[in-house]
C-alpha atoms as a PDB file:
ATOM      1  CA  MET A   1       0.000   0.000   0.000  1.00  0.00           C
ATOM      2  CA  GLU A   2       1.343   3.408  -0.985  1.00  0.00           C
ATOM      3  CA  GLY A   3       1.061   6.589   1.052  1.00  0.00           C
ATOM      4  CA  PRO A   4       2.415   8.009   4.314  1.00  0.00           C
ATOM      5  CA  LEU A   5       2.843   5.863   7.396  1.00  0.00           C
ATOM      6  CA  SER A   6      -0.209   7.422   9.075  1.00  0.00           C
ATOM      7  CA  ALA A   7      -2.458   6.323   6.198  1.00  0.00           C
ATOM      8  CA  LYS A   8      -1.104   2.779   6.283  1.00  0.00           C
ATOM      9  CA  LEU A   9      -1.616   2.539  10.044  1.00  0.00           C
ATOM     10  CA  ALA A  10      -5.159   3.888   9.807  1.00  0.00           C
ATOM     11  CA  HIS A  11      -6.019   1.485   6.981  1.00  0.00           C
ATOM     12  CA  TYR A  12      -4.759  -1.500   8.954  1.00  0.00           C
ATOM     13  CA  ALA A  13      -6.662  -0.400  12.072  1.00  0.00           C
ATOM     14  CA  VAL A  14      -9.900  -0.264  10.051  1.00  0.00           C
ATOM     15  CA  GLN A  15      -9.269  -3.696   8.537  1.00  0.00           C
ATOM     16  CA  MET A  16      -8.464  -5.190  11.932  1.00  0.00           C
ATOM     17  CA  ARG A  17     -11.716  -3.870  13.362  1.00  0.00           C
ATOM     18  CA  ALA A  18     -13.622  -5.416  10.470  1.00  0.00           C
ATOM     19  CA  LEU A  19     -11.864  -8.783  10.537  1.00  0.00           C
ATOM     20  CA  ALA A  20     -10.969  -9.179  14.218  1.00  0.00           C
ATOM     21  CA  GLY A  21     -13.540  -7.121  16.107  1.00  0.00           C
ATOM     22  CA  PRO A  22     -12.993  -8.684  19.557  1.00  0.00           C
ATOM     23  CA  VAL A  23      -9.246  -7.984  19.373  1.00  0.00           C
ATOM     24  CA  ALA A  24      -9.862  -4.401  18.286  1.00  0.00           C
ATOM     25  CA  GLU A  25     -12.290  -3.883  21.158  1.00  0.00           C
ATOM     26  CA  ALA A  26      -9.819  -5.374  23.647  1.00  0.00           C
ATOM     27  CA  TYR A  27      -7.177  -3.018  22.270  1.00  0.00           C
ATOM     28  CA  ASP A  28      -9.564  -0.097  22.801  1.00  0.00           C
ATOM     29  CA  SER A  29      -9.949  -1.047  26.465  1.00  0.00           C
ATOM     30  CA  LEU A  30      -6.196  -1.467  26.927  1.00  0.00           C
ATOM     31  CA  ILE A  31      -5.451   1.900  25.343  1.00  0.00           C
ATOM     32  CA  ALA A  32      -8.056   3.616  27.510  1.00  0.00           C
ATOM     33  CA  ARG A  33      -6.523   2.085  30.652  1.00  0.00           C
ATOM     34  CA  VAL A  34      -2.969   2.977  29.677  1.00  0.00           C
ATOM     35  CA  THR A  35      -3.987   6.513  28.748  1.00  0.00           C
ATOM     36  CA  ALA A  36      -5.809   6.986  32.060  1.00  0.00           C
ATOM     37  CA  GLY A  37      -2.715   5.746  33.861  1.00  0.00           C
ATOM     38  CA  GLU A  38      -0.629   8.428  32.113  1.00  0.00           C
ATOM     39  CA  VAL A  39       1.920   5.854  31.023  1.00  0.00           C
ATOM     40  CA  GLY A  40       4.880   7.529  29.367  1.00  0.00           C
ATOM     41  CA  ILE A  41       4.419  11.057  30.688  1.00  0.00           C
ATOM     42  CA  TYR A  42       7.613  10.866  32.757  1.00  0.00           C
ATOM     43  CA  ALA A  43       9.838   9.653  29.935  1.00  0.00           C
ATOM     44  CA  PRO A  44      12.674  12.019  28.991  1.00  0.00           C
ATOM     45  CA  THR A  45      11.485  15.037  27.047  1.00  0.00           C
ATOM     46  CA  VAL A  46      13.196  17.470  24.704  1.00  0.00           C
ATOM     47  CA  GLY A  47      16.302  18.917  26.295  1.00  0.00           C
ATOM     48  CA  GLN A  48      16.750  16.062  28.763  1.00  0.00           C
ATOM     49  CA  GLU A  49      19.290  13.280  28.577  1.00  0.00           C
ATOM     50  CA  LEU A  50      18.198   9.764  27.708  1.00  0.00           C
ATOM     51  CA  PRO A  51      19.384   7.293  30.403  1.00  0.00           C
ATOM     52  CA  ALA A  52      22.318   5.106  29.430  1.00  0.00           C
ATOM     53  CA  PHE A  53      21.688   1.518  28.337  1.00  0.00           C
ATOM     54  CA  LEU A  54      23.625  -1.631  27.505  1.00  0.00           C
ATOM     55  CA  LEU A  55      21.642  -4.043  25.324  1.00  0.00           C
ATOM     56  CA  PRO A  56      22.411  -6.980  23.003  1.00  0.00           C
ATOM     57  CA  SER A  57      22.079  -6.474  19.268  1.00  0.00           C
ATOM     58  CA  ASP A  58      20.599  -8.920  16.788  1.00  0.00           C
ATOM     59  CA  ASP A  59      24.117  -9.739  15.584  1.00  0.00           C
ATOM     60  CA  GLY A  60      25.316 -10.816  19.031  1.00  0.00           C
ATOM     61  CA  HIS A  61      27.099  -7.715  20.290  1.00  0.00           C
ATOM     62  CA  LEU A  62      26.498  -5.733  23.479  1.00  0.00           C
ATOM     63  CA  ILE A  63      25.814  -2.120  22.530  1.00  0.00           C
ATOM     64  CA  HIS A  64      26.417   0.719  24.975  1.00  0.00           C
ATOM     65  CA  SER A  65      24.430   3.881  24.342  1.00  0.00           C
ATOM     66  CA  ALA A  66      27.454   6.175  24.779  1.00  0.00           C
ATOM     67  CA  ASP A  67      29.382   4.342  22.054  1.00  0.00           C
ATOM     68  CA  LEU A  68      26.345   4.302  19.798  1.00  0.00           C
ATOM     69  CA  PHE A  69      25.512   7.988  20.181  1.00  0.00           C
ATOM     70  CA  ALA A  70      29.138   9.022  19.692  1.00  0.00           C
ATOM     71  CA  ARG A  71      28.912   7.819  16.086  1.00  0.00           C
ATOM     72  CA  ALA A  72      26.000  10.023  15.028  1.00  0.00           C
ATOM     73  CA  PRO A  73      22.657  11.494  16.100  1.00  0.00           C
ATOM     74  CA  THR A  74      20.266   8.596  16.610  1.00  0.00           C
ATOM     75  CA  ILE A  75      16.596   7.832  15.979  1.00  0.00           C
ATOM     76  CA  ILE A  76      15.435   5.311  18.599  1.00  0.00           C
ATOM     77  CA  SER A  77      12.197   3.470  17.921  1.00  0.00           C
ATOM     78  CA  PHE A  78      10.590   1.337  20.659  1.00  0.00           C
ATOM     79  CA  ASN A  79       8.383  -1.388  19.206  1.00  0.00           C
ATOM     80  CA  ARG A  80       6.256  -4.189  20.644  1.00  0.00           C
ATOM     81  CA  GLY A  81       7.563  -7.120  18.620  1.00  0.00           C
ATOM     82  CA  HIS A  82       7.931  -8.857  15.285  1.00  0.00           C
ATOM     83  CA  TRP A  83       4.318 -10.054  15.515  1.00  0.00           C
ATOM     84  CA  CYS A  84       2.802  -6.540  15.696  1.00  0.00           C
ATOM     85  CA  PRO A  85       1.557  -5.331  12.289  1.00  0.00           C
ATOM     86  CA  PHE A  86       1.682  -1.682  13.371  1.00  0.00           C
ATOM     87  CA  CYS A  87       5.318  -2.101  14.398  1.00  0.00           C
ATOM     88  CA  ARG A  88       6.113  -3.805  11.107  1.00  0.00           C
ATOM     89  CA  LEU A  89       4.634  -0.844   9.257  1.00  0.00           C
ATOM     90  CA  GLU A  90       6.683   1.604  11.316  1.00  0.00           C
ATOM     91  CA  VAL A  91       9.911  -0.344  10.890  1.00  0.00           C
ATOM     92  CA  GLY A  92       9.213  -0.566   7.165  1.00  0.00           C
ATOM     93  CA  ALA A  93       8.691   3.192   6.971  1.00  0.00           C
ATOM     94  CA  LEU A  94      11.948   3.815   8.838  1.00  0.00           C
ATOM     95  CA  ALA A  95      13.705   1.426   6.482  1.00  0.00           C
ATOM     96  CA  GLY A  96      12.338   3.413   3.568  1.00  0.00           C
ATOM     97  CA  ALA A  97      13.713   6.611   5.103  1.00  0.00           C
ATOM     98  CA  ALA A  98      17.114   5.132   5.945  1.00  0.00           C
ATOM     99  CA  ALA A  99      18.854   6.740   2.973  1.00  0.00           C
ATOM    100  CA  ASP A 100      17.559  10.184   3.969  1.00  0.00           C
ATOM    101  CA  VAL A 101      18.615   9.583   7.570  1.00  0.00           C
ATOM    102  CA  GLU A 102      22.112   8.611   6.453  1.00  0.00           C
ATOM    103  CA  ARG A 103      22.300  11.649   4.179  1.00  0.00           C
ATOM    104  CA  LEU A 104      21.555  13.817   7.209  1.00  0.00           C
ATOM    105  CA  GLY A 105      24.414  12.170   9.082  1.00  0.00           C
ATOM    106  CA  ALA A 106      22.246  10.180  11.497  1.00  0.00           C
ATOM    107  CA  GLN A 107      21.413   6.552  12.285  1.00  0.00           C
ATOM    108  CA  ILE A 108      18.373   4.462  13.265  1.00  0.00           C
ATOM    109  CA  LEU A 109      17.928   1.988  16.104  1.00  0.00           C
ATOM    110  CA  SER A 110      14.973  -0.250  16.980  1.00  0.00           C
ATOM    111  CA  ILE A 111      14.458  -1.640  20.500  1.00  0.00           C
ATOM    112  CA  MET A 112      12.069  -4.540  21.160  1.00  0.00           C
ATOM    113  CA  PRO A 113      11.480  -6.942  24.096  1.00  0.00           C
ATOM    114  CA  GLU A 114      12.250 -10.053  22.053  1.00  0.00           C
ATOM    115  CA  SER A 115      15.144 -12.349  21.316  1.00  0.00           C
ATOM    116  CA  ALA A 116      17.876 -11.495  18.826  1.00  0.00           C
ATOM    117  CA  ALA A 117      16.552 -14.207  16.500  1.00  0.00           C
ATOM    118  CA  LEU A 118      13.088 -12.636  16.323  1.00  0.00           C
ATOM    119  CA  ASN A 119      14.547  -9.163  15.913  1.00  0.00           C
ATOM    120  CA  LYS A 120      16.689 -10.476  13.091  1.00  0.00           C
ATOM    121  CA  ARG A 121      13.596 -11.967  11.455  1.00  0.00           C
ATOM    122  CA  LEU A 122      11.825  -8.615  11.505  1.00  0.00           C
ATOM    123  CA  ARG A 123      14.909  -6.846  10.153  1.00  0.00           C
ATOM    124  CA  ALA A 124      15.045  -9.302   7.258  1.00  0.00           C
ATOM    125  CA  ASP A 125      11.302  -9.107   6.553  1.00  0.00           C
ATOM    126  CA  THR A 126      11.355  -5.295   6.406  1.00  0.00           C
ATOM    127  CA  HIS A 127      14.779  -4.996   4.730  1.00  0.00           C
ATOM    128  CA  ALA A 128      15.768  -2.643   7.537  1.00  0.00           C
ATOM    129  CA  PRO A 129      19.424  -1.580   7.213  1.00  0.00           C
ATOM    130  CA  PHE A 130      19.808  -0.691  10.868  1.00  0.00           C
ATOM    131  CA  THR A 131      20.451  -2.276  14.256  1.00  0.00           C
ATOM    132  CA  PHE A 132      17.848  -3.987  16.447  1.00  0.00           C
ATOM    133  CA  LEU A 133      18.419  -4.332  20.188  1.00  0.00           C
ATOM    134  CA  SER A 134      16.738  -6.774  22.594  1.00  0.00           C
ATOM    135  CA  ASP A 135      15.278  -5.214  25.738  1.00  0.00           C
ATOM    136  CA  LEU A 136      14.362  -8.522  27.357  1.00  0.00           C
ATOM    137  CA  ASP A 137      12.083  -8.142  30.399  1.00  0.00           C
ATOM    138  CA  ASN A 138      11.495  -4.552  29.210  1.00  0.00           C
ATOM    139  CA  ALA A 139      14.179  -3.361  31.631  1.00  0.00           C
ATOM    140  CA  PHE A 140      15.092  -0.212  29.709  1.00  0.00           C
ATOM    141  CA  ALA A 141      11.490   0.554  28.778  1.00  0.00           C
ATOM    142  CA  LEU A 142      10.557   0.242  32.460  1.00  0.00           C
ATOM    143  CA  GLU A 143      13.297   2.714  33.369  1.00  0.00           C
ATOM    144  CA  LEU A 144      11.727   5.174  30.936  1.00  0.00           C
ATOM    145  CA  GLY A 145       8.195   4.527  32.224  1.00  0.00           C
ATOM    146  CA  LEU A 146       7.075   3.100  28.891  1.00  0.00           C
ATOM    147  CA  VAL A 147       5.566  -0.245  29.868  1.00  0.00           C
ATOM    148  CA  MET A 148       1.982  -1.499  29.783  1.00  0.00           C
ATOM    149  CA  ARG A 149       0.580  -4.801  31.023  1.00  0.00           C
ATOM    150  CA  VAL A 150      -1.549  -6.913  28.704  1.00  0.00           C
ATOM    151  CA  ASP A 151      -4.756  -7.793  30.533  1.00  0.00           C
ATOM    152  CA  ASP A 152      -6.120 -11.333  30.700  1.00  0.00           C
ATOM    153  CA  GLN A 153      -8.834 -10.776  28.092  1.00  0.00           C
ATOM    154  CA  LEU A 154      -6.424  -9.532  25.446  1.00  0.00           C
ATOM    155  CA  ARG A 155      -3.868 -12.171  26.401  1.00  0.00           C
ATOM    156  CA  ASP A 156      -6.372 -14.960  25.760  1.00  0.00           C
ATOM    157  CA  LEU A 157      -7.392 -13.443  22.420  1.00  0.00           C
ATOM    158  CA  LEU A 158      -3.774 -13.171  21.288  1.00  0.00           C
ATOM    159  CA  VAL A 159      -2.889 -16.700  22.385  1.00  0.00           C
ATOM    160  CA  ALA A 160      -5.925 -18.034  20.520  1.00  0.00           C
ATOM    161  CA  ARG A 161      -4.438 -16.466  17.400  1.00  0.00           C
ATOM    162  CA  GLY A 162      -1.030 -18.030  17.979  1.00  0.00           C
ATOM    163  CA  LEU A 163       0.563 -14.915  19.455  1.00  0.00           C
ATOM    164  CA  ASP A 164       2.046 -16.118  22.734  1.00  0.00           C
ATOM    165  CA  LEU A 165       4.216 -13.316  24.116  1.00  0.00           C
ATOM    166  CA  ALA A 166       5.561 -15.662  26.768  1.00  0.00           C
ATOM    167  CA  LYS A 167       7.353 -17.568  24.010  1.00  0.00           C
ATOM    168  CA  PHE A 168       8.484 -14.469  22.140  1.00  0.00           C
ATOM    169  CA  GLN A 169       9.845 -12.753  25.260  1.00  0.00           C
ATOM    170  CA  ALA A 170      11.035 -15.836  27.178  1.00  0.00           C
ATOM    171  CA  ASN A 171       9.013 -14.838  30.246  1.00  0.00           C
ATOM    172  CA  ASP A 172       5.400 -14.870  31.410  1.00  0.00           C
ATOM    173  CA  HIS A 173       5.138 -11.196  32.393  1.00  0.00           C
ATOM    174  CA  TRP A 174       2.951 -10.138  29.460  1.00  0.00           C
ATOM    175  CA  LEU A 175       4.417  -6.648  29.448  1.00  0.00           C
ATOM    176  CA  LEU A 176       4.811  -4.511  26.347  1.00  0.00           C
ATOM    177  CA  PRO A 177       6.540  -1.201  25.705  1.00  0.00           C
ATOM    178  CA  VAL A 178       4.461   1.780  24.706  1.00  0.00           C
ATOM    179  CA  PRO A 179       5.716   2.464  21.182  1.00  0.00           C
ATOM    180  CA  ALA A 180       7.837   5.589  21.300  1.00  0.00           C
ATOM    181  CA  THR A 181      10.374   7.437  19.196  1.00  0.00           C
ATOM    182  CA  PHE A 182      13.262   9.539  20.489  1.00  0.00           C
ATOM    183  CA  VAL A 183      15.714  11.590  18.453  1.00  0.00           C
ATOM    184  CA  VAL A 184      18.942  12.166  20.387  1.00  0.00           C
ATOM    185  CA  ASP A 185      22.200  13.938  19.611  1.00  0.00           C
ATOM    186  CA  ARG A 186      25.735  12.632  20.122  1.00  0.00           C
ATOM    187  CA  GLY A 187      25.541  13.455  23.807  1.00  0.00           C
ATOM    188  CA  GLY A 188      22.273  11.557  24.321  1.00  0.00           C
ATOM    189  CA  ILE A 189      20.197  14.738  24.650  1.00  0.00           C
ATOM    190  CA  VAL A 190      16.648  14.395  23.351  1.00  0.00           C
ATOM    191  CA  HIS A 191      15.801  16.615  20.369  1.00  0.00           C
ATOM    192  CA  GLY A 192      12.555  14.912  19.396  1.00  0.00           C
ATOM    193  CA  ARG A 193      10.034  12.784  21.305  1.00  0.00           C
ATOM    194  CA  PHE A 194       6.864  10.963  20.298  1.00  0.00           C
ATOM    195  CA  ILE A 195       4.893   8.829  22.774  1.00  0.00           C
ATOM    196  CA  ASP A 196       1.296   7.713  22.313  1.00  0.00           C
ATOM    197  CA  PRO A 197      -0.404   4.978  24.367  1.00  0.00           C
ATOM    198  CA  ASP A 198      -2.436   4.254  21.237  1.00  0.00           C
ATOM    199  CA  PHE A 199       0.102   2.013  19.522  1.00  0.00           C
ATOM    200  CA  ARG A 200      -1.881   2.328  16.308  1.00  0.00           C
ATOM    201  CA  CYS A 201      -0.385   5.821  15.993  1.00  0.00           C
ATOM    202  CA  ARG A 202       3.318   6.379  15.293  1.00  0.00           C
ATOM    203  CA  ALA A 203       5.662   9.302  14.729  1.00  0.00           C
ATOM    204  CA  ALA A 204       5.529  10.767  11.236  1.00  0.00           C
ATOM    205  CA  ILE A 205       8.725  10.238   9.276  1.00  0.00           C
ATOM    206  CA  ASP A 206       8.882  13.920   8.277  1.00  0.00           C
ATOM    207  CA  ASP A 207       8.650  14.954  11.935  1.00  0.00           C
ATOM    208  CA  ILE A 208      11.436  12.550  12.874  1.00  0.00           C
ATOM    209  CA  LEU A 209      13.718  13.899  10.155  1.00  0.00           C
ATOM    210  CA  ALA A 210      12.919  17.492  11.149  1.00  0.00           C
ATOM    211  CA  ALA A 211      13.956  16.765  14.755  1.00  0.00           C
ATOM    212  CA  LEU A 212      17.435  15.548  13.804  1.00  0.00           C
ATOM    213  CA  PRO A 213      20.123  17.940  15.047  1.00  0.00           C
ATOM    214  CA  ARG A 214      21.911  19.648  12.177  1.00  0.00           C
END
């Protein structure tokens, strides 16, 4: 499907409601609960420093944020997992913008609470030319205040469709990160920030590019 990321996300949301109504309704309830709980409001904002992290990459290396940021300004995208169609659309859109990001002297990073093997699968499926990091147990996302719990109703609906997060994440916590995008400079200072408990909405690529420090 052609068009901006927002149009693709909206189209998929409409199709999901038509084809998987109970899941869409369970998502509505989850989003309302997470929004009421103000999840994400205390995450670093523009002008603040992103906390340091040390996470494994999909190619088997431990990546320290200071080393990563020293190379170039960085776009950091938090996603729920390889199974999430909205995340796949976002990663695909970032992959499509990778040449523009490189031209602007920056780099892209995706963080997900899954194994390196599953991250590698998503990178291959989306032809993403950037690094994926595994935030197992959502440790870094928790530090940023970006974690939601999947309730029992939604859990049962996902499992019935073959989406068992316990297997994907190697734990039975049923926690997911709130999808978020940060743009940070070489010192780890935030220049751009997008957080929305409604994971069907993602940062616009043009806004991400505009936030990159020049």
